[in-house]
Amino acid sequence: MVPRGAPGKPRLSKITQNSARIDVLDATPGSYDVTAYVNFPGVDYVKQVFFTAYAEAKLALATVSNPSPKAALQVLGPVQSNGDPCDLITAGEKGTFRFRPDKTVFGVPTYWSSDNAEFLYFHTNVYLETTEWRLAEAGTWSAEAPDEFALVPALKEEDLKCA
């Protein structure tokens, strides 16, 4: 979710097998862009996905077919003081990584090392209800990346910072 002209900072607050919840703290009236990516690999029986929004005032919703690749990172990744995602991030002792909108994992853009040997991707485990950033080797990249390719345990969110 990307607030346009609002001071609220969106954060993913809960994810389960059946739902994902994003809260906007200190939100003010205004326009917000919401981006959702839903994928069920190998499943053809899911025909609908529902979006629910709660607000104190009347809402007007519209569908946009081509969202910004940075929209998910405004909620899931480290952001600059103005709320925009970082083009370069540091990941603790792992080094510096560059934003790559053309290389996504489950619809979320990734960050790649300067030598393109490794990348950072956002991982969601709906069974354990956890979300985390992981590091993987470049040769394992896939838009529908499986769990098995993580090189290291989850990176701490506080270790990911704008460079």
N, C-alpha and C. Protein backbone atom coordinates (compact mmCIF):
# COMPACT_ATOMS: atom_id res chain seq x y z
N MET A 1 0.85 -1.16 0.00
CA MET A 1 0.00 0.00 0.00
C MET A 1 0.90 1.22 0.00
N VAL A 2 0.60 2.16 -0.83
CA VAL A 2 1.41 3.37 -0.96
C VAL A 2 0.55 4.59 -0.70
N PRO A 3 0.78 5.30 0.40
CA PRO A 3 -0.01 6.49 0.63
C PRO A 3 0.46 7.63 -0.27
N ARG A 4 -0.48 8.29 -0.90
CA ARG A 4 -0.14 9.47 -1.71
C ARG A 4 -0.50 10.70 -0.90
N GLY A 5 0.49 11.47 -0.50
CA GLY A 5 0.23 12.71 0.22
C GLY A 5 -0.21 12.53 1.65
N ALA A 6 -0.04 11.34 2.23
CA ALA A 6 -0.44 11.11 3.61
C ALA A 6 0.78 10.71 4.44
N PRO A 7 0.83 11.12 5.71
CA PRO A 7 1.99 10.81 6.54
C PRO A 7 2.00 9.38 7.05
N GLY A 8 0.91 8.65 6.90
CA GLY A 8 0.84 7.29 7.43
C GLY A 8 1.86 6.38 6.78
N LYS A 9 2.45 5.49 7.58
CA LYS A 9 3.44 4.54 7.06
C LYS A 9 2.80 3.16 7.05
N PRO A 10 2.64 2.55 5.87
CA PRO A 10 2.04 1.23 5.82
C PRO A 10 3.01 0.15 6.28
N ARG A 11 2.51 -0.84 7.02
CA ARG A 11 3.32 -1.96 7.46
C ARG A 11 2.49 -3.23 7.39
N LEU A 12 3.12 -4.30 6.93
CA LEU A 12 2.47 -5.60 6.94
C LEU A 12 2.41 -6.04 8.39
N SER A 13 1.22 -6.24 8.92
CA SER A 13 1.11 -6.55 10.34
C SER A 13 0.77 -8.01 10.62
N LYS A 14 0.17 -8.71 9.67
CA LYS A 14 -0.16 -10.12 9.90
C LYS A 14 -0.40 -10.81 8.57
N ILE A 15 0.07 -12.04 8.48
CA ILE A 15 -0.19 -12.84 7.29
C ILE A 15 -0.50 -14.26 7.73
N THR A 16 -1.55 -14.84 7.15
CA THR A 16 -1.94 -16.22 7.45
C THR A 16 -2.23 -16.93 6.14
N GLN A 17 -2.67 -18.18 6.22
CA GLN A 17 -3.02 -18.92 5.01
C GLN A 17 -4.17 -18.27 4.27
N ASN A 18 -5.03 -17.57 4.99
CA ASN A 18 -6.25 -17.03 4.39
C ASN A 18 -6.27 -15.53 4.23
N SER A 19 -5.30 -14.82 4.80
CA SER A 19 -5.39 -13.37 4.74
C SER A 19 -4.04 -12.71 4.96
N ALA A 20 -3.98 -11.47 4.53
CA ALA A 20 -2.84 -10.60 4.82
C ALA A 20 -3.43 -9.28 5.30
N ARG A 21 -2.82 -8.71 6.31
CA ARG A 21 -3.34 -7.46 6.86
C ARG A 21 -2.25 -6.40 6.81
N ILE A 22 -2.62 -5.24 6.29
CA ILE A 22 -1.71 -4.10 6.25
C ILE A 22 -2.38 -2.97 7.00
N ASP A 23 -1.66 -2.41 7.95
CA ASP A 23 -2.15 -1.28 8.72
C ASP A 23 -1.41 -0.03 8.30
N VAL A 24 -2.11 1.09 8.27
CA VAL A 24 -1.48 2.38 8.02
C VAL A 24 -1.60 3.18 9.31
N LEU A 25 -0.46 3.38 9.96
CA LEU A 25 -0.46 4.11 11.23
C LEU A 25 -0.55 5.61 10.98
N ASP A 26 -1.27 6.28 11.82
CA ASP A 26 -1.42 7.74 11.72
C ASP A 26 -1.92 8.18 10.34
N ALA A 27 -2.80 7.42 9.76
CA ALA A 27 -3.32 7.76 8.43
C ALA A 27 -4.22 8.99 8.50
N THR A 28 -4.22 9.73 7.43
CA THR A 28 -5.08 10.90 7.31
C THR A 28 -5.94 10.71 6.07
N PRO A 29 -7.01 11.47 5.94
CA PRO A 29 -7.82 11.36 4.73
C PRO A 29 -6.97 11.66 3.50
N GLY A 30 -7.23 10.96 2.42
CA GLY A 30 -6.47 11.18 1.19
C GLY A 30 -6.59 10.00 0.26
N SER A 31 -5.76 9.97 -0.75
CA SER A 31 -5.76 8.89 -1.73
C SER A 31 -4.64 7.91 -1.41
N TYR A 32 -4.94 6.64 -1.53
CA TYR A 32 -3.97 5.57 -1.28
C TYR A 32 -3.98 4.61 -2.46
N ASP A 33 -2.81 4.14 -2.85
CA ASP A 33 -2.71 3.09 -3.86
C ASP A 33 -2.46 1.78 -3.13
N VAL A 34 -3.20 0.73 -3.47
CA VAL A 34 -3.03 -0.58 -2.87
C VAL A 34 -2.60 -1.54 -3.95
N THR A 35 -1.52 -2.27 -3.71
CA THR A 35 -1.05 -3.26 -4.67
C THR A 35 -1.13 -4.63 -4.02
N ALA A 36 -1.72 -5.58 -4.72
CA ALA A 36 -1.81 -6.95 -4.22
C ALA A 36 -1.35 -7.90 -5.31
N TYR A 37 -0.61 -8.91 -4.91
CA TYR A 37 -0.17 -9.95 -5.84
C TYR A 37 -0.65 -11.27 -5.26
N VAL A 38 -1.43 -11.99 -6.03
CA VAL A 38 -1.98 -13.26 -5.59
C VAL A 38 -1.63 -14.31 -6.61
N ASN A 39 -1.04 -15.41 -6.13
CA ASN A 39 -0.65 -16.48 -7.04
C ASN A 39 -0.82 -17.81 -6.35
N PHE A 40 -1.40 -18.77 -7.04
CA PHE A 40 -1.58 -20.12 -6.53
C PHE A 40 -0.96 -21.08 -7.55
N PRO A 41 0.36 -21.32 -7.48
CA PRO A 41 1.02 -22.16 -8.48
C PRO A 41 0.40 -23.55 -8.55
N GLY A 42 0.12 -23.99 -9.76
CA GLY A 42 -0.42 -25.32 -9.98
C GLY A 42 -1.86 -25.50 -9.58
N VAL A 43 -2.56 -24.41 -9.25
CA VAL A 43 -3.95 -24.49 -8.80
C VAL A 43 -4.80 -23.70 -9.77
N ASP A 44 -5.88 -24.30 -10.24
CA ASP A 44 -6.76 -23.57 -11.15
C ASP A 44 -8.18 -23.39 -10.61
N TYR A 45 -8.40 -23.79 -9.36
CA TYR A 45 -9.75 -23.70 -8.82
C TYR A 45 -10.02 -22.41 -8.04
N VAL A 46 -9.01 -21.60 -7.78
CA VAL A 46 -9.23 -20.32 -7.10
C VAL A 46 -9.66 -19.32 -8.16
N LYS A 47 -10.88 -18.86 -8.08
CA LYS A 47 -11.43 -17.97 -9.09
C LYS A 47 -11.58 -16.53 -8.62
N GLN A 48 -11.57 -16.30 -7.30
CA GLN A 48 -11.78 -14.95 -6.79
C GLN A 48 -10.88 -14.70 -5.59
N VAL A 49 -10.51 -13.45 -5.44
CA VAL A 49 -9.79 -12.96 -4.27
C VAL A 49 -10.51 -11.70 -3.83
N PHE A 50 -10.69 -11.53 -2.54
CA PHE A 50 -11.42 -10.38 -2.03
C PHE A 50 -10.49 -9.40 -1.33
N PHE A 51 -10.81 -8.13 -1.47
CA PHE A 51 -10.10 -7.04 -0.82
C PHE A 51 -11.11 -6.33 0.07
N THR A 52 -10.75 -6.12 1.33
CA THR A 52 -11.63 -5.42 2.26
C THR A 52 -10.87 -4.24 2.84
N ALA A 53 -11.50 -3.09 2.89
CA ALA A 53 -10.89 -1.89 3.47
C ALA A 53 -11.82 -1.33 4.53
N TYR A 54 -11.24 -0.91 5.64
CA TYR A 54 -12.00 -0.28 6.71
C TYR A 54 -11.54 1.16 6.85
N ALA A 55 -12.49 2.06 7.01
CA ALA A 55 -12.16 3.47 7.17
C ALA A 55 -13.29 4.17 7.90
N GLU A 56 -12.99 5.34 8.44
CA GLU A 56 -14.00 6.12 9.15
C GLU A 56 -14.96 6.81 8.19
N ALA A 57 -14.56 7.01 6.95
CA ALA A 57 -15.37 7.73 5.97
C ALA A 57 -15.62 6.83 4.76
N LYS A 58 -16.47 7.29 3.86
CA LYS A 58 -16.80 6.55 2.66
C LYS A 58 -15.55 6.34 1.78
N LEU A 59 -15.45 5.17 1.18
CA LEU A 59 -14.31 4.83 0.32
C LEU A 59 -14.73 4.74 -1.13
N ALA A 60 -13.86 5.13 -2.01
CA ALA A 60 -14.05 4.94 -3.44
C ALA A 60 -12.88 4.08 -3.93
N LEU A 61 -13.17 2.90 -4.47
CA LEU A 61 -12.14 1.97 -4.92
C LEU A 61 -12.13 1.87 -6.43
N ALA A 62 -10.94 1.75 -7.00
CA ALA A 62 -10.77 1.59 -8.44
C ALA A 62 -9.66 0.58 -8.70
N THR A 63 -9.71 -0.09 -9.83
CA THR A 63 -8.70 -1.06 -10.20
C THR A 63 -7.71 -0.45 -11.17
N VAL A 64 -6.43 -0.70 -10.91
CA VAL A 64 -5.35 -0.26 -11.80
C VAL A 64 -4.62 -1.51 -12.25
N SER A 65 -4.38 -1.65 -13.54
CA SER A 65 -3.80 -2.90 -14.04
C SER A 65 -2.28 -2.91 -14.09
N ASN A 66 -1.62 -1.78 -13.90
CA ASN A 66 -0.17 -1.74 -14.01
C ASN A 66 0.45 -0.99 -12.83
N PRO A 67 0.52 -1.62 -11.65
CA PRO A 67 1.05 -0.91 -10.49
C PRO A 67 2.56 -0.71 -10.57
N SER A 68 3.06 0.21 -9.79
CA SER A 68 4.49 0.47 -9.71
C SER A 68 5.19 -0.73 -9.09
N PRO A 69 6.36 -1.13 -9.64
CA PRO A 69 7.09 -2.25 -9.03
C PRO A 69 7.61 -1.93 -7.64
N LYS A 70 7.67 -0.66 -7.30
CA LYS A 70 8.16 -0.28 -5.98
C LYS A 70 7.07 -0.31 -4.91
N ALA A 71 5.83 -0.46 -5.29
CA ALA A 71 4.73 -0.37 -4.33
C ALA A 71 4.87 -1.39 -3.20
N ALA A 72 5.17 -2.63 -3.52
CA ALA A 72 5.30 -3.66 -2.48
C ALA A 72 6.45 -3.34 -1.53
N LEU A 73 7.53 -2.78 -2.06
CA LEU A 73 8.69 -2.47 -1.22
C LEU A 73 8.42 -1.33 -0.25
N GLN A 74 7.44 -0.50 -0.54
CA GLN A 74 7.10 0.57 0.39
C GLN A 74 6.50 0.00 1.67
N VAL A 75 5.98 -1.21 1.61
CA VAL A 75 5.43 -1.86 2.78
C VAL A 75 6.42 -2.87 3.36
N LEU A 76 7.12 -3.59 2.50
CA LEU A 76 7.92 -4.73 2.93
C LEU A 76 9.40 -4.46 3.13
N GLY A 77 9.92 -3.42 2.48
CA GLY A 77 11.36 -3.20 2.53
C GLY A 77 11.74 -1.95 3.28
N PRO A 78 13.04 -1.72 3.38
CA PRO A 78 13.50 -0.48 4.00
C PRO A 78 13.14 0.70 3.10
N VAL A 79 12.77 1.81 3.71
CA VAL A 79 12.35 2.98 2.94
C VAL A 79 13.14 4.21 3.36
N GLN A 80 13.19 5.18 2.45
CA GLN A 80 13.82 6.46 2.73
C GLN A 80 12.90 7.28 3.65
N SER A 81 13.39 8.40 4.13
CA SER A 81 12.61 9.24 5.04
C SER A 81 11.32 9.75 4.39
N ASN A 82 11.28 9.84 3.05
CA ASN A 82 10.07 10.30 2.36
C ASN A 82 9.09 9.16 2.06
N GLY A 83 9.43 7.93 2.50
CA GLY A 83 8.54 6.78 2.30
C GLY A 83 8.81 5.99 1.03
N ASP A 84 9.69 6.48 0.16
CA ASP A 84 10.02 5.75 -1.06
C ASP A 84 10.99 4.61 -0.75
N PRO A 85 10.89 3.50 -1.49
CA PRO A 85 11.83 2.40 -1.29
C PRO A 85 13.25 2.83 -1.67
N CYS A 86 14.20 2.16 -1.11
CA CYS A 86 15.61 2.45 -1.38
C CYS A 86 16.03 1.84 -2.72
N ASP A 87 16.82 2.57 -3.50
CA ASP A 87 17.40 2.00 -4.72
C ASP A 87 18.61 1.15 -4.39
N LEU A 88 19.33 1.52 -3.34
CA LEU A 88 20.47 0.75 -2.83
C LEU A 88 20.23 0.48 -1.35
N ILE A 89 20.50 -0.76 -0.92
CA ILE A 89 20.40 -1.07 0.50
C ILE A 89 21.66 -1.79 0.96
N THR A 90 21.92 -1.70 2.25
CA THR A 90 22.96 -2.52 2.85
C THR A 90 22.26 -3.57 3.68
N ALA A 91 22.86 -4.75 3.71
CA ALA A 91 22.28 -5.87 4.45
C ALA A 91 23.30 -6.36 5.47
N GLY A 92 23.52 -5.56 6.49
CA GLY A 92 24.50 -5.92 7.51
C GLY A 92 25.86 -6.17 6.89
N GLU A 93 26.49 -7.28 7.25
CA GLU A 93 27.81 -7.64 6.72
C GLU A 93 27.74 -8.27 5.34
N LYS A 94 26.56 -8.45 4.80
CA LYS A 94 26.41 -9.09 3.49
C LYS A 94 26.74 -8.14 2.34
N GLY A 95 26.78 -6.85 2.60
CA GLY A 95 27.16 -5.89 1.57
C GLY A 95 26.03 -5.02 1.09
N THR A 96 26.23 -4.44 -0.11
CA THR A 96 25.27 -3.51 -0.71
C THR A 96 24.54 -4.20 -1.85
N PHE A 97 23.24 -3.91 -1.97
CA PHE A 97 22.39 -4.54 -2.98
C PHE A 97 21.58 -3.47 -3.71
N ARG A 98 21.37 -3.67 -5.01
CA ARG A 98 20.67 -2.71 -5.87
C ARG A 98 19.27 -3.24 -6.21
N PHE A 99 18.31 -2.33 -6.20
CA PHE A 99 16.91 -2.62 -6.56
C PHE A 99 16.84 -3.12 -8.00
N ARG A 100 16.13 -4.25 -8.21
CA ARG A 100 15.94 -4.81 -9.55
C ARG A 100 14.44 -5.07 -9.79
N PRO A 101 13.73 -4.11 -10.37
CA PRO A 101 12.29 -4.29 -10.59
C PRO A 101 11.99 -5.39 -11.61
N ASP A 102 12.96 -5.75 -12.44
CA ASP A 102 12.75 -6.77 -13.46
C ASP A 102 12.92 -8.19 -12.92
N LYS A 103 13.40 -8.33 -11.71
CA LYS A 103 13.60 -9.64 -11.09
C LYS A 103 12.75 -9.72 -9.84
N THR A 104 11.59 -10.31 -9.94
CA THR A 104 10.69 -10.42 -8.80
C THR A 104 10.63 -11.85 -8.29
N VAL A 105 10.25 -11.99 -7.05
CA VAL A 105 9.95 -13.29 -6.45
C VAL A 105 8.56 -13.15 -5.85
N PHE A 106 7.63 -13.92 -6.34
CA PHE A 106 6.23 -13.83 -5.92
C PHE A 106 5.70 -12.41 -6.02
N GLY A 107 6.09 -11.71 -7.07
CA GLY A 107 5.57 -10.38 -7.34
C GLY A 107 6.28 -9.24 -6.63
N VAL A 108 7.23 -9.54 -5.76
CA VAL A 108 7.95 -8.51 -5.02
C VAL A 108 9.33 -8.34 -5.65
N PRO A 109 9.71 -7.11 -6.03
CA PRO A 109 11.04 -6.89 -6.59
C PRO A 109 12.14 -7.32 -5.62
N THR A 110 13.28 -7.65 -6.17
CA THR A 110 14.42 -8.12 -5.38
C THR A 110 15.53 -7.08 -5.38
N TYR A 111 16.53 -7.31 -4.56
CA TYR A 111 17.75 -6.51 -4.52
C TYR A 111 18.92 -7.44 -4.85
N TRP A 112 19.85 -6.97 -5.71
CA TRP A 112 20.96 -7.80 -6.18
C TRP A 112 22.31 -7.21 -5.78
N SER A 113 23.26 -8.09 -5.49
CA SER A 113 24.61 -7.66 -5.14
C SER A 113 25.26 -6.99 -6.35
N SER A 114 26.31 -6.21 -6.11
CA SER A 114 26.96 -5.46 -7.20
C SER A 114 27.55 -6.39 -8.26
N ASP A 115 27.95 -7.60 -7.88
CA ASP A 115 28.48 -8.56 -8.87
C ASP A 115 27.40 -9.50 -9.40
N ASN A 116 26.15 -9.26 -9.02
CA ASN A 116 25.00 -10.07 -9.43
C ASN A 116 25.13 -11.55 -9.06
N ALA A 117 25.91 -11.85 -8.04
CA ALA A 117 26.11 -13.23 -7.61
C ALA A 117 25.05 -13.67 -6.60
N GLU A 118 24.46 -12.72 -5.88
CA GLU A 118 23.46 -13.02 -4.87
C GLU A 118 22.32 -12.02 -4.94
N PHE A 119 21.19 -12.40 -4.38
CA PHE A 119 20.07 -11.46 -4.32
C PHE A 119 19.31 -11.64 -3.02
N LEU A 120 18.62 -10.58 -2.63
CA LEU A 120 17.75 -10.58 -1.47
C LEU A 120 16.31 -10.65 -1.95
N TYR A 121 15.51 -11.48 -1.33
CA TYR A 121 14.10 -11.59 -1.70
C TYR A 121 13.26 -11.66 -0.44
N PHE A 122 12.01 -11.22 -0.58
CA PHE A 122 11.08 -11.23 0.55
C PHE A 122 10.36 -12.57 0.55
N HIS A 123 10.40 -13.25 1.69
CA HIS A 123 9.82 -14.59 1.82
C HIS A 123 8.67 -14.56 2.82
N THR A 124 7.59 -15.21 2.45
CA THR A 124 6.43 -15.33 3.33
C THR A 124 6.16 -16.81 3.58
N ASN A 125 6.01 -17.18 4.83
CA ASN A 125 5.62 -18.53 5.19
C ASN A 125 4.25 -18.44 5.85
N VAL A 126 3.21 -18.75 5.09
CA VAL A 126 1.85 -18.60 5.63
C VAL A 126 1.54 -19.65 6.69
N TYR A 127 2.23 -20.76 6.69
CA TYR A 127 1.97 -21.79 7.69
C TYR A 127 2.52 -21.39 9.05
N LEU A 128 3.69 -20.77 9.06
CA LEU A 128 4.29 -20.29 10.30
C LEU A 128 3.91 -18.84 10.60
N GLU A 129 3.22 -18.21 9.65
CA GLU A 129 2.81 -16.82 9.76
C GLU A 129 4.01 -15.91 10.00
N THR A 130 5.05 -16.13 9.18
CA THR A 130 6.26 -15.31 9.27
C THR A 130 6.56 -14.65 7.92
N THR A 131 7.21 -13.52 8.00
CA THR A 131 7.69 -12.83 6.81
C THR A 131 9.13 -12.40 7.10
N GLU A 132 10.01 -12.49 6.08
CA GLU A 132 11.41 -12.17 6.30
C GLU A 132 12.12 -11.97 4.97
N TRP A 133 13.27 -11.30 5.03
CA TRP A 133 14.13 -11.16 3.88
C TRP A 133 15.18 -12.26 3.94
N ARG A 134 15.47 -12.87 2.77
CA ARG A 134 16.46 -13.95 2.68
C ARG A 134 17.46 -13.65 1.56
N LEU A 135 18.60 -14.29 1.66
CA LEU A 135 19.67 -14.16 0.68
C LEU A 135 19.79 -15.46 -0.09
N ALA A 136 19.99 -15.36 -1.41
CA ALA A 136 20.12 -16.57 -2.24
C ALA A 136 21.13 -16.33 -3.35
N GLU A 137 21.64 -17.42 -3.91
CA GLU A 137 22.57 -17.33 -5.04
C GLU A 137 21.80 -16.98 -6.31
N ALA A 138 22.43 -16.21 -7.17
CA ALA A 138 21.78 -15.74 -8.40
C ALA A 138 21.26 -16.88 -9.26
N GLY A 139 21.98 -17.99 -9.33
CA GLY A 139 21.57 -19.11 -10.17
C GLY A 139 20.28 -19.79 -9.72
N THR A 140 19.82 -19.47 -8.53
CA THR A 140 18.59 -20.08 -8.02
C THR A 140 17.37 -19.19 -8.23
N TRP A 141 17.57 -17.99 -8.82
CA TRP A 141 16.45 -17.07 -8.98
C TRP A 141 15.36 -17.67 -9.86
N SER A 142 14.14 -17.47 -9.45
CA SER A 142 12.94 -17.84 -10.20
C SER A 142 11.84 -16.92 -9.72
N ALA A 143 10.97 -16.51 -10.62
CA ALA A 143 9.86 -15.63 -10.22
C ALA A 143 8.94 -16.32 -9.23
N GLU A 144 8.95 -17.63 -9.23
CA GLU A 144 8.14 -18.42 -8.28
C GLU A 144 9.09 -19.24 -7.42
N ALA A 145 10.03 -18.57 -6.78
CA ALA A 145 11.13 -19.21 -6.07
C ALA A 145 10.66 -20.10 -4.91
N PRO A 146 11.19 -21.32 -4.83
CA PRO A 146 10.87 -22.19 -3.72
C PRO A 146 11.70 -21.88 -2.48
N ASP A 147 11.29 -22.40 -1.35
CA ASP A 147 11.99 -22.20 -0.09
C ASP A 147 13.42 -22.70 -0.10
N GLU A 148 13.67 -23.79 -0.80
CA GLU A 148 14.92 -24.52 -0.67
C GLU A 148 16.17 -23.71 -0.99
N PHE A 149 16.05 -22.60 -1.70
CA PHE A 149 17.28 -21.97 -2.15
C PHE A 149 17.86 -20.93 -1.20
N ALA A 150 17.29 -20.74 -0.03
CA ALA A 150 17.84 -19.76 0.89
C ALA A 150 19.24 -20.18 1.35
N LEU A 151 20.19 -19.28 1.26
CA LEU A 151 21.57 -19.57 1.67
C LEU A 151 21.77 -19.42 3.17
N VAL A 152 21.11 -18.44 3.74
CA VAL A 152 21.33 -18.11 5.15
C VAL A 152 19.99 -17.98 5.84
N PRO A 153 20.00 -18.01 7.16
CA PRO A 153 18.75 -17.74 7.87
C PRO A 153 18.25 -16.34 7.51
N ALA A 154 17.06 -16.06 7.94
CA ALA A 154 16.46 -14.76 7.65
C ALA A 154 17.36 -13.63 8.11
N LEU A 155 17.35 -12.56 7.32
CA LEU A 155 18.09 -11.36 7.71
C LEU A 155 17.23 -10.56 8.67
N LYS A 156 17.85 -9.92 9.61
CA LYS A 156 17.10 -9.09 10.56
C LYS A 156 16.66 -7.83 9.85
N GLU A 157 15.40 -7.44 10.05
CA GLU A 157 14.87 -6.25 9.40
C GLU A 157 15.71 -5.01 9.73
N GLU A 158 16.22 -4.95 10.94
CA GLU A 158 17.03 -3.78 11.32
C GLU A 158 18.39 -3.75 10.60
N ASP A 159 18.81 -4.87 10.01
CA ASP A 159 20.08 -4.90 9.25
C ASP A 159 19.91 -4.36 7.83
N LEU A 160 18.68 -4.24 7.35
CA LEU A 160 18.43 -3.72 6.00
C LEU A 160 18.22 -2.21 6.08
N LYS A 161 19.11 -1.46 5.46
CA LYS A 161 19.05 0.00 5.52
C LYS A 161 19.35 0.60 4.15
N CYS A 162 18.81 1.78 3.90
CA CYS A 162 19.15 2.49 2.67
C CYS A 162 20.64 2.82 2.69
N ALA A 163 21.28 2.62 1.55
CA ALA A 163 22.72 2.90 1.45
C ALA A 163 22.96 4.36 1.09
